């Protein structure tokens, strides 16, 4: 749930600098956790983004997953 709401803050620039790349990365993490609405938010956002921006979001999401996996060792 927190991932989805954090993504929305980045998407809208509320309390943080507006950043579509970080928003998409967080929506992706929320979607992987099965959060309702995350897939729709990702689709909406990717329609507004270039392929390089989407690639950067995927890299951020992968980096976060790697960090999370390492911390549980």
PDB file of N, CA and C in Angstrom:
ATOM      1  N   UNK A   1       0.823  -1.181   0.000  1.00  0.00           N
ATOM      2  CA  UNK A   1       0.000   0.000   0.000  1.00  0.00           C
ATOM      3  C   UNK A   1       0.880   1.262   0.000  1.00  0.00           C
ATOM      4  N   UNK A   2       1.905   1.263   0.826  1.00  0.00           N
ATOM      5  CA  UNK A   2       2.768   2.443   0.929  1.00  0.00           C
ATOM      6  C   UNK A   2       3.455   2.734  -0.403  1.00  0.00           C
ATOM      7  N   UNK A   3       3.830   1.670  -1.117  1.00  0.00           N
ATOM      8  CA  UNK A   3       4.489   1.855  -2.409  1.00  0.00           C
ATOM      9  C   UNK A   3       3.563   2.590  -3.384  1.00  0.00           C
ATOM     10  N   UNK A   4       2.305   2.210  -3.390  1.00  0.00           N
ATOM     11  CA  UNK A   4       1.338   2.828  -4.285  1.00  0.00           C
ATOM     12  C   UNK A   4       1.164   4.312  -3.954  1.00  0.00           C
ATOM     13  N   UNK A   5       1.041   4.621  -2.680  1.00  0.00           N
ATOM     14  CA  UNK A   5       0.840   6.014  -2.286  1.00  0.00           C
ATOM     15  C   UNK A   5       2.093   6.854  -2.510  1.00  0.00           C
ATOM     16  N   UNK A   6       3.268   6.263  -2.285  1.00  0.00           N
ATOM     17  CA  UNK A   6       4.509   6.976  -2.560  1.00  0.00           C
ATOM     18  C   UNK A   6       4.619   7.288  -4.056  1.00  0.00           C
ATOM     19  N   UNK A   7       4.228   6.329  -4.887  1.00  0.00           N
ATOM     20  CA  UNK A   7       4.234   6.553  -6.330  1.00  0.00           C
ATOM     21  C   UNK A   7       3.340   7.739  -6.691  1.00  0.00           C
ATOM     22  N   UNK A   8       2.173   7.810  -6.082  1.00  0.00           N
ATOM     23  CA  UNK A   8       1.258   8.921  -6.349  1.00  0.00           C
ATOM     24  C   UNK A   8       1.836  10.261  -5.950  1.00  0.00           C
ATOM     25  N   UNK A   9       2.576  10.287  -4.845  1.00  0.00           N
ATOM     26  CA  UNK A   9       3.220  11.540  -4.431  1.00  0.00           C
ATOM     27  C   UNK A   9       4.244  11.990  -5.459  1.00  0.00           C
ATOM     28  N   UNK A  10       5.047  11.052  -5.953  1.00  0.00           N
ATOM     29  CA  UNK A  10       6.025  11.397  -6.991  1.00  0.00           C
ATOM     30  C   UNK A  10       5.342  11.809  -8.296  1.00  0.00           C
ATOM     31  N   UNK A  11       4.265  11.130  -8.634  1.00  0.00           N
ATOM     32  CA  UNK A  11       3.556  11.467  -9.874  1.00  0.00           C
ATOM     33  C   UNK A  11       2.991  12.881  -9.826  1.00  0.00           C
ATOM     34  N   UNK A  12       2.473  13.263  -8.667  1.00  0.00           N
ATOM     35  CA  UNK A  12       1.825  14.578  -8.543  1.00  0.00           C
ATOM     36  C   UNK A  12       2.750  15.663  -8.010  1.00  0.00           C
ATOM     37  N   UNK A  13       3.906  15.275  -7.458  1.00  0.00           N
ATOM     38  CA  UNK A  13       4.816  16.253  -6.883  1.00  0.00           C
ATOM     39  C   UNK A  13       4.311  16.815  -5.564  1.00  0.00           C
ATOM     40  N   UNK A  14       3.687  15.980  -4.768  1.00  0.00           N
ATOM     41  CA  UNK A  14       3.161  16.426  -3.462  1.00  0.00           C
ATOM     42  C   UNK A  14       4.141  16.047  -2.361  1.00  0.00           C
ATOM     43  N   UNK A  15       4.827  17.054  -1.816  1.00  0.00           N
ATOM     44  CA  UNK A  15       5.791  16.821  -0.755  1.00  0.00           C
ATOM     45  C   UNK A  15       7.159  16.387  -1.238  1.00  0.00           C
ATOM     46  N   UNK A  16       7.253  16.063  -2.517  1.00  0.00           N
ATOM     47  CA  UNK A  16       8.509  15.672  -3.159  1.00  0.00           C
ATOM     48  C   UNK A  16       8.537  16.312  -4.544  1.00  0.00           C
ATOM     49  N   UNK A  17       9.716  16.362  -5.141  1.00  0.00           N
ATOM     50  CA  UNK A  17       9.786  16.850  -6.519  1.00  0.00           C
ATOM     51  C   UNK A  17       9.032  15.887  -7.428  1.00  0.00           C
ATOM     52  N   UNK A  18       8.288  16.431  -8.376  1.00  0.00           N
ATOM     53  CA  UNK A  18       7.557  15.608  -9.336  1.00  0.00           C
ATOM     54  C   UNK A  18       8.565  14.799 -10.144  1.00  0.00           C
ATOM     55  N   UNK A  19       8.353  13.484 -10.219  1.00  0.00           N
ATOM     56  CA  UNK A  19       9.307  12.603 -10.892  1.00  0.00           C
ATOM     57  C   UNK A  19       8.564  11.382 -11.431  1.00  0.00           C
ATOM     58  N   UNK A  20       8.291  11.394 -12.734  1.00  0.00           N
ATOM     59  CA  UNK A  20       7.551  10.296 -13.355  1.00  0.00           C
ATOM     60  C   UNK A  20       8.333   8.984 -13.313  1.00  0.00           C
ATOM     61  N   UNK A  21       9.653   9.078 -13.380  1.00  0.00           N
ATOM     62  CA  UNK A  21      10.473   7.863 -13.364  1.00  0.00           C
ATOM     63  C   UNK A  21      10.356   7.164 -12.015  1.00  0.00           C
ATOM     64  N   UNK A  22      10.513   7.905 -10.936  1.00  0.00           N
ATOM     65  CA  UNK A  22      10.366   7.305  -9.608  1.00  0.00           C
ATOM     66  C   UNK A  22       8.935   6.836  -9.381  1.00  0.00           C
ATOM     67  N   UNK A  23       7.968   7.597  -9.873  1.00  0.00           N
ATOM     68  CA  UNK A  23       6.567   7.198  -9.727  1.00  0.00           C
ATOM     69  C   UNK A  23       6.329   5.847 -10.394  1.00  0.00           C
ATOM     70  N   UNK A  24       6.819   5.689 -11.615  1.00  0.00           N
ATOM     71  CA  UNK A  24       6.619   4.432 -12.329  1.00  0.00           C
ATOM     72  C   UNK A  24       7.326   3.281 -11.615  1.00  0.00           C
ATOM     73  N   UNK A  25       8.519   3.532 -11.089  1.00  0.00           N
ATOM     74  CA  UNK A  25       9.242   2.491 -10.359  1.00  0.00           C
ATOM     75  C   UNK A  25       8.427   2.039  -9.144  1.00  0.00           C
ATOM     76  N   UNK A  26       7.901   2.985  -8.380  1.00  0.00           N
ATOM     77  CA  UNK A  26       7.116   2.632  -7.187  1.00  0.00           C
ATOM     78  C   UNK A  26       5.791   1.972  -7.552  1.00  0.00           C
ATOM     79  N   UNK A  27       5.140   2.431  -8.625  1.00  0.00           N
ATOM     80  CA  UNK A  27       3.917   1.755  -9.074  1.00  0.00           C
ATOM     81  C   UNK A  27       4.236   0.309  -9.458  1.00  0.00           C
ATOM     82  N   UNK A  28       5.382   0.110 -10.089  1.00  0.00           N
ATOM     83  CA  UNK A  28       5.781  -1.246 -10.469  1.00  0.00           C
ATOM     84  C   UNK A  28       5.966  -2.148  -9.265  1.00  0.00           C
ATOM     85  N   UNK A  29       6.596  -1.624  -8.231  1.00  0.00           N
ATOM     86  CA  UNK A  29       6.763  -2.407  -7.003  1.00  0.00           C
ATOM     87  C   UNK A  29       5.413  -2.711  -6.360  1.00  0.00           C
ATOM     88  N   UNK A  30       4.519  -1.740  -6.379  1.00  0.00           N
ATOM     89  CA  UNK A  30       3.172  -1.952  -5.826  1.00  0.00           C
ATOM     90  C   UNK A  30       2.423  -3.014  -6.629  1.00  0.00           C
ATOM     91  N   UNK A  31       2.587  -2.982  -7.931  1.00  0.00           N
ATOM     92  CA  UNK A  31       1.916  -3.951  -8.803  1.00  0.00           C
ATOM     93  C   UNK A  31       2.439  -5.356  -8.529  1.00  0.00           C
ATOM     94  N   UNK A  32       3.742  -5.483  -8.298  1.00  0.00           N
ATOM     95  CA  UNK A  32       4.317  -6.786  -7.998  1.00  0.00           C
ATOM     96  C   UNK A  32       3.792  -7.347  -6.671  1.00  0.00           C
ATOM     97  N   UNK A  33       3.394  -6.472  -5.776  1.00  0.00           N
ATOM     98  CA  UNK A  33       2.820  -6.891  -4.495  1.00  0.00           C
ATOM     99  C   UNK A  33       1.315  -7.122  -4.599  1.00  0.00           C
ATOM    100  N   UNK A  34       0.763  -6.921  -5.800  1.00  0.00           N
ATOM    101  CA  UNK A  34      -0.653  -7.187  -6.027  1.00  0.00           C
ATOM    102  C   UNK A  34      -1.581  -6.068  -5.607  1.00  0.00           C
ATOM    103  N   UNK A  35      -1.054  -4.839  -5.501  1.00  0.00           N
ATOM    104  CA  UNK A  35      -1.911  -3.736  -5.062  1.00  0.00           C
ATOM    105  C   UNK A  35      -2.904  -3.359  -6.160  1.00  0.00           C
ATOM    106  N   UNK A  36      -4.200  -3.334  -5.841  1.00  0.00           N
ATOM    107  CA  UNK A  36      -5.220  -2.976  -6.840  1.00  0.00           C
ATOM    108  C   UNK A  36      -4.998  -1.551  -7.358  1.00  0.00           C
ATOM    109  N   UNK A  37      -5.095  -1.390  -8.634  1.00  0.00           N
ATOM    110  CA  UNK A  37      -4.959  -0.071  -9.237  1.00  0.00           C
ATOM    111  C   UNK A  37      -3.560   0.251  -9.708  1.00  0.00           C
ATOM    112  N   UNK A  38      -2.580  -0.510  -9.257  1.00  0.00           N
ATOM    113  CA  UNK A  38      -1.200  -0.208  -9.641  1.00  0.00           C
ATOM    114  C   UNK A  38      -0.977  -0.419 -11.143  1.00  0.00           C
ATOM    115  N   UNK A  39      -1.528  -1.488 -11.681  1.00  0.00           N
ATOM    116  CA  UNK A  39      -1.352  -1.780 -13.119  1.00  0.00           C
ATOM    117  C   UNK A  39      -1.956  -0.656 -13.961  1.00  0.00           C
ATOM    118  N   UNK A  40      -3.133  -0.183 -13.587  1.00  0.00           N
ATOM    119  CA  UNK A  40      -3.781   0.896 -14.336  1.00  0.00           C
ATOM    120  C   UNK A  40      -2.961   2.180 -14.250  1.00  0.00           C
ATOM    121  N   UNK A  41      -2.425   2.463 -13.075  1.00  0.00           N
ATOM    122  CA  UNK A  41      -1.599   3.660 -12.903  1.00  0.00           C
ATOM    123  C   UNK A  41      -0.338   3.560 -13.751  1.00  0.00           C
ATOM    124  N   UNK A  42       0.254   2.369 -13.797  1.00  0.00           N
ATOM    125  CA  UNK A  42       1.453   2.172 -14.617  1.00  0.00           C
ATOM    126  C   UNK A  42       1.137   2.392 -16.097  1.00  0.00           C
ATOM    127  N   UNK A  43       0.034   1.848 -16.546  1.00  0.00           N
ATOM    128  CA  UNK A  43      -0.356   1.998 -17.950  1.00  0.00           C
ATOM    129  C   UNK A  43      -0.571   3.465 -18.288  1.00  0.00           C
ATOM    130  N   UNK A  44      -1.274   4.165 -17.420  1.00  0.00           N
ATOM    131  CA  UNK A  44      -1.534   5.591 -17.646  1.00  0.00           C
ATOM    132  C   UNK A  44      -0.224   6.375 -17.719  1.00  0.00           C
ATOM    133  N   UNK A  45       0.679   6.088 -16.795  1.00  0.00           N
ATOM    134  CA  UNK A  45       1.930   6.827 -16.729  1.00  0.00           C
ATOM    135  C   UNK A  45       2.857   6.486 -17.898  1.00  0.00           C
ATOM    136  N   UNK A  46       2.936   5.224 -18.267  1.00  0.00           N
ATOM    137  CA  UNK A  46       3.834   4.854 -19.370  1.00  0.00           C
ATOM    138  C   UNK A  46       3.388   5.473 -20.691  1.00  0.00           C
ATOM    139  N   UNK A  47       2.093   5.727 -20.827  1.00  0.00           N
ATOM    140  CA  UNK A  47       1.613   6.389 -22.044  1.00  0.00           C
ATOM    141  C   UNK A  47       2.186   7.798 -22.189  1.00  0.00           C
ATOM    142  N   UNK A  48       2.609   8.397 -21.073  1.00  0.00           N
ATOM    143  CA  UNK A  48       3.145   9.758 -21.075  1.00  0.00           C
ATOM    144  C   UNK A  48       4.675   9.792 -21.114  1.00  0.00           C
ATOM    145  N   UNK A  49       5.311   8.623 -21.069  1.00  0.00           N
ATOM    146  CA  UNK A  49       6.762   8.573 -20.916  1.00  0.00           C
ATOM    147  C   UNK A  49       7.456   7.998 -22.146  1.00  0.00           C
ATOM    148  N   UNK A  50       8.697   8.424 -22.329  1.00  0.00           N
ATOM    149  CA  UNK A  50       9.513   7.889 -23.419  1.00  0.00           C
ATOM    150  C   UNK A  50      10.064   6.515 -23.021  1.00  0.00           C
ATOM    151  N   UNK A  51      10.539   5.776 -24.002  1.00  0.00           N
ATOM    152  CA  UNK A  51      11.134   4.465 -23.737  1.00  0.00           C
ATOM    153  C   UNK A  51      12.350   4.573 -22.805  1.00  0.00           C
ATOM    154  N   UNK A  52      13.251   5.549 -22.995  1.00  0.00           N
ATOM    155  CA  UNK A  52      14.379   5.668 -22.061  1.00  0.00           C
ATOM    156  C   UNK A  52      13.929   5.963 -20.624  1.00  0.00           C
ATOM    157  N   UNK A  53      12.880   6.745 -20.455  1.00  0.00           N
ATOM    158  CA  UNK A  53      12.353   7.014 -19.113  1.00  0.00           C
ATOM    159  C   UNK A  53      11.807   5.736 -18.486  1.00  0.00           C
ATOM    160  N   UNK A  54      11.104   4.949 -19.274  1.00  0.00           N
ATOM    161  CA  UNK A  54      10.559   3.684 -18.782  1.00  0.00           C
ATOM    162  C   UNK A  54      11.680   2.715 -18.412  1.00  0.00           C
ATOM    163  N   UNK A  55      12.742   2.704 -19.208  1.00  0.00           N
ATOM    164  CA  UNK A  55      13.893   1.851 -18.907  1.00  0.00           C
ATOM    165  C   UNK A  55      14.551   2.256 -17.591  1.00  0.00           C
ATOM    166  N   UNK A  56      14.678   3.552 -17.360  1.00  0.00           N
ATOM    167  CA  UNK A  56      15.274   4.045 -16.127  1.00  0.00           C
ATOM    168  C   UNK A  56      14.417   3.647 -14.922  1.00  0.00           C
ATOM    169  N   UNK A  57      13.102   3.731 -15.062  1.00  0.00           N
ATOM    170  CA  UNK A  57      12.198   3.315 -13.985  1.00  0.00           C
ATOM    171  C   UNK A  57      12.382   1.828 -13.685  1.00  0.00           C
ATOM    172  N   UNK A  58      12.534   1.020 -14.728  1.00  0.00           N
ATOM    173  CA  UNK A  58      12.746  -0.421 -14.532  1.00  0.00           C
ATOM    174  C   UNK A  58      14.064  -0.671 -13.805  1.00  0.00           C
ATOM    175  N   UNK A  59      15.110   0.096 -14.133  1.00  0.00           N
ATOM    176  CA  UNK A  59      16.391  -0.039 -13.434  1.00  0.00           C
ATOM    177  C   UNK A  59      16.252   0.322 -11.953  1.00  0.00           C
ATOM    178  N   UNK A  60      15.532   1.405 -11.671  1.00  0.00           N
ATOM    179  CA  UNK A  60      15.315   1.798 -10.277  1.00  0.00           C
ATOM    180  C   UNK A  60      14.572   0.706  -9.508  1.00  0.00           C
ATOM    181  N   UNK A  61      13.554   0.147 -10.134  1.00  0.00           N
ATOM    182  CA  UNK A  61      12.761  -0.907  -9.488  1.00  0.00           C
ATOM    183  C   UNK A  61      13.636  -2.135  -9.223  1.00  0.00           C
ATOM    184  N   UNK A  62      14.462  -2.516 -10.182  1.00  0.00           N
ATOM    185  CA  UNK A  62      15.349  -3.669 -10.010  1.00  0.00           C
ATOM    186  C   UNK A  62      16.367  -3.423  -8.906  1.00  0.00           C
ATOM    187  N   UNK A  63      16.891  -2.209  -8.853  1.00  0.00           N
ATOM    188  CA  UNK A  63      17.866  -1.867  -7.819  1.00  0.00           C
ATOM    189  C   UNK A  63      17.224  -1.973  -6.435  1.00  0.00           C
ATOM    190  N   UNK A  64      15.983  -1.513  -6.320  1.00  0.00           N
ATOM    191  CA  UNK A  64      15.272  -1.597  -5.040  1.00  0.00           C
ATOM    192  C   UNK A  64      15.060  -3.057  -4.643  1.00  0.00           C
ATOM    193  N   UNK A  65      14.662  -3.885  -5.594  1.00  0.00           N
ATOM    194  CA  UNK A  65      14.424  -5.299  -5.305  1.00  0.00           C
ATOM    195  C   UNK A  65      15.715  -5.977  -4.862  1.00  0.00           C
ATOM    196  N   UNK A  66      16.832  -5.648  -5.511  1.00  0.00           N
ATOM    197  CA  UNK A  66      18.108  -6.227  -5.154  1.00  0.00           C
ATOM    198  C   UNK A  66      18.489  -5.848  -3.727  1.00  0.00           C
ATOM    199  N   UNK A  67      18.299  -4.583  -3.391  1.00  0.00           N
ATOM    200  CA  UNK A  67      18.614  -4.089  -2.055  1.00  0.00           C
ATOM    201  C   UNK A  67      17.753  -4.791  -1.008  1.00  0.00           C
ATOM    202  N   UNK A  68      16.464  -4.942  -1.302  1.00  0.00           N
ATOM    203  CA  UNK A  68      15.558  -5.628  -0.373  1.00  0.00           C
ATOM    204  C   UNK A  68      15.968  -7.067  -0.171  1.00  0.00           C
ATOM    205  N   UNK A  69      16.336  -7.749  -1.270  1.00  0.00           N
ATOM    206  CA  UNK A  69      16.730  -9.166  -1.166  1.00  0.00           C
ATOM    207  C   UNK A  69      18.014  -9.321  -0.358  1.00  0.00           C
ATOM    208  N   UNK A  70      18.953  -8.416  -0.527  1.00  0.00           N
ATOM    209  CA  UNK A  70      20.218  -8.488   0.211  1.00  0.00           C
ATOM    210  C   UNK A  70      20.011  -8.233   1.699  1.00  0.00           C
ATOM    211  N   UNK A  71      19.090  -7.357   2.033  1.00  0.00           N
ATOM    212  CA  UNK A  71      18.881  -7.023   3.439  1.00  0.00           C
ATOM    213  C   UNK A  71      18.228  -8.179   4.208  1.00  0.00           C
ATOM    214  N   UNK A  72      17.641  -9.118   3.507  1.00  0.00           N
ATOM    215  CA  UNK A  72      16.994 -10.242   4.196  1.00  0.00           C
ATOM    216  C   UNK A  72      17.932 -11.438   4.356  1.00  0.00           C
ATOM    217  N   UNK A  73      19.176 -11.309   3.900  1.00  0.00           N
ATOM    218  CA  UNK A  73      20.140 -12.421   4.020  1.00  0.00           C
ATOM    219  C   UNK A  73      20.675 -12.536   5.425  1.00  0.00           C
TER     220      UNK A  73
END
